[in-house]
C-alpha atoms as a PDB file:
ATOM      1  CA  UNK A   1       0.147  -0.091  -0.012  1.00  0.00           C
ATOM      2  CA  UNK A   2       1.077   3.590  -1.333  1.00  0.00           C
ATOM      3  CA  UNK A   3       1.957   6.148   1.539  1.00  0.00           C
ATOM      4  CA  UNK A   4      -1.044   7.950  -0.418  1.00  0.00           C
ATOM      5  CA  UNK A   5      -3.300   5.174   0.285  1.00  0.00           C
ATOM      6  CA  UNK A   6      -2.337   4.449   3.568  1.00  0.00           C
ATOM      7  CA  UNK A   7      -2.892   8.289   4.327  1.00  0.00           C
ATOM      8  CA  UNK A   8      -6.217   8.114   2.465  1.00  0.00           C
ATOM      9  CA  UNK A   9      -7.604   4.742   4.501  1.00  0.00           C
ATOM     10  CA  UNK A  10      -6.658   6.472   7.423  1.00  0.00           C
ATOM     11  CA  UNK A  11      -8.496   9.848   6.766  1.00  0.00           C
ATOM     12  CA  UNK A  12     -11.469   8.032   5.751  1.00  0.00           C
ATOM     13  CA  UNK A  13     -11.659   5.808   9.169  1.00  0.00           C
ATOM     14  CA  UNK A  14     -11.383   8.986  11.058  1.00  0.00           C
ATOM     15  CA  UNK A  15     -14.639  10.561   9.165  1.00  0.00           C
ATOM     16  CA  UNK A  16     -16.387   7.282   9.717  1.00  0.00           C
ATOM     17  CA  UNK A  17     -15.503   7.148  13.207  1.00  0.00           C
ATOM     18  CA  UNK A  18     -16.956  10.856  13.723  1.00  0.00           C
ATOM     19  CA  UNK A  19     -19.957  10.470  11.587  1.00  0.00           C
ATOM     20  CA  UNK A  20     -22.082   8.188  13.844  1.00  0.00           C
ATOM     21  CA  UNK A  21     -21.502  10.480  16.685  1.00  0.00           C
ATOM     22  CA  UNK A  22     -21.985  13.830  14.570  1.00  0.00           C
ATOM     23  CA  UNK A  23     -18.773  14.776  15.781  1.00  0.00           C
ATOM     24  CA  UNK A  24     -17.818  15.351  11.984  1.00  0.00           C
ATOM     25  CA  UNK A  25     -14.893  18.392  11.788  1.00  0.00           C
ATOM     26  CA  UNK A  26     -14.075  20.475   8.897  1.00  0.00           C
ATOM     27  CA  UNK A  27     -10.638  19.700   9.522  1.00  0.00           C
ATOM     28  CA  UNK A  28     -11.229  15.798   8.998  1.00  0.00           C
ATOM     29  CA  UNK A  29     -12.734  16.149   6.047  1.00  0.00           C
ATOM     30  CA  UNK A  30     -10.246  18.483   4.678  1.00  0.00           C
ATOM     31  CA  UNK A  31      -7.750  16.172   5.740  1.00  0.00           C
ATOM     32  CA  UNK A  32      -9.892  13.077   3.536  1.00  0.00           C
ATOM     33  CA  UNK A  33     -10.266  15.295   0.806  1.00  0.00           C
ATOM     34  CA  UNK A  34      -6.511  16.122   0.488  1.00  0.00           C
ATOM     35  CA  UNK A  35      -5.313  12.482   0.938  1.00  0.00           C
ATOM     36  CA  UNK A  36      -7.655  11.678  -1.749  1.00  0.00           C
ATOM     37  CA  UNK A  37      -6.703  14.069  -4.191  1.00  0.00           C
ATOM     38  CA  UNK A  38      -3.177  13.328  -3.229  1.00  0.00           C
ATOM     39  CA  UNK A  39      -4.079   9.279  -4.303  1.00  0.00           C
ATOM     40  CA  UNK A  40      -5.648  10.485  -7.395  1.00  0.00           C
ATOM     41  CA  UNK A  41      -2.307  12.262  -8.769  1.00  0.00           C
ATOM     42  CA  UNK A  42      -0.520   9.434  -7.699  1.00  0.00           C
ATOM     43  CA  UNK A  43      -2.495   7.343  -9.819  1.00  0.00           C
ATOM     44  CA  UNK A  44      -2.881   9.536 -12.624  1.00  0.00           C
ATOM     45  CA  UNK A  45       1.111   9.730 -12.164  1.00  0.00           C
ATOM     46  CA  UNK A  46       1.251   5.908 -12.412  1.00  0.00           C
ATOM     47  CA  UNK A  47      -0.836   5.775 -15.421  1.00  0.00           C
ATOM     48  CA  UNK A  48       1.154   8.093 -17.410  1.00  0.00           C
ATOM     49  CA  UNK A  49      -2.157   9.980 -18.516  1.00  0.00           C
ATOM     50  CA  UNK A  50      -2.273  13.610 -16.874  1.00  0.00           C
ATOM     51  CA  UNK A  51      -5.030  14.483 -14.703  1.00  0.00           C
ATOM     52  CA  UNK A  52      -6.975  17.493 -16.473  1.00  0.00           C
ATOM     53  CA  UNK A  53      -7.351  20.444 -13.787  1.00  0.00           C
ATOM     54  CA  UNK A  54     -11.160  21.497 -15.098  1.00  0.00           C
ATOM     55  CA  UNK A  55     -12.276  17.860 -14.793  1.00  0.00           C
ATOM     56  CA  UNK A  56     -10.425  17.204 -11.370  1.00  0.00           C
ATOM     57  CA  UNK A  57     -11.524  20.243 -10.113  1.00  0.00           C
ATOM     58  CA  UNK A  58     -14.942  19.180 -10.935  1.00  0.00           C
ATOM     59  CA  UNK A  59     -14.942  16.058  -9.262  1.00  0.00           C
ATOM     60  CA  UNK A  60     -13.392  17.668  -5.943  1.00  0.00           C
ATOM     61  CA  UNK A  61     -16.065  20.408  -6.084  1.00  0.00           C
ATOM     62  CA  UNK A  62     -18.646  17.809  -6.154  1.00  0.00           C
ATOM     63  CA  UNK A  63     -16.780  16.018  -3.420  1.00  0.00           C
ATOM     64  CA  UNK A  64     -16.699  18.699  -0.982  1.00  0.00           C
ATOM     65  CA  UNK A  65     -20.587  19.417  -1.694  1.00  0.00           C
ATOM     66  CA  UNK A  66     -21.231  15.899  -0.832  1.00  0.00           C
ATOM     67  CA  UNK A  67     -19.138  16.020   2.232  1.00  0.00           C
ATOM     68  CA  UNK A  68     -20.371  19.309   3.267  1.00  0.00           C
ATOM     69  CA  UNK A  69     -23.939  18.117   2.953  1.00  0.00           C
ATOM     70  CA  UNK A  70     -23.226  15.251   5.489  1.00  0.00           C
ATOM     71  CA  UNK A  71     -21.721  17.608   7.809  1.00  0.00           C
ATOM     72  CA  UNK A  72     -25.228  19.987   7.514  1.00  0.00           C
ATOM     73  CA  UNK A  73     -27.183  16.848   7.971  1.00  0.00           C
ATOM     74  CA  UNK A  74     -25.194  15.644  10.977  1.00  0.00           C
ATOM     75  CA  UNK A  75     -25.414  19.082  12.487  1.00  0.00           C
ATOM     76  CA  UNK A  76     -29.365  19.044  12.053  1.00  0.00           C
ATOM     77  CA  UNK A  77     -29.515  15.348  13.658  1.00  0.00           C
ATOM     78  CA  UNK A  78     -27.363  16.901  16.452  1.00  0.00           C
ATOM     79  CA  UNK A  79     -28.846  19.747  17.157  1.00  0.00           C
ATOM     80  CA  UNK A  80     -32.539  17.411  16.973  1.00  0.00           C
ATOM     81  CA  UNK A  81     -31.857  15.399  19.638  1.00  0.00           C
END
């Protein structure tokens, strides 16, 4: 397992542990996204095909929006308890 993959796995586990408790933090989500981007860049470099900027940014924006929605949902659920 590459260092980038290990970092991604660790960041994902941190986020997974925080979600059920309603403790999801912006820092943990940012760490997860950065790790995911590093893995994507590593995979792109290994395959020899450069990742195009606009597509990568679009996917990153989609991922951020998805995690932001999860964070908002967790905040709503925590406030409703």
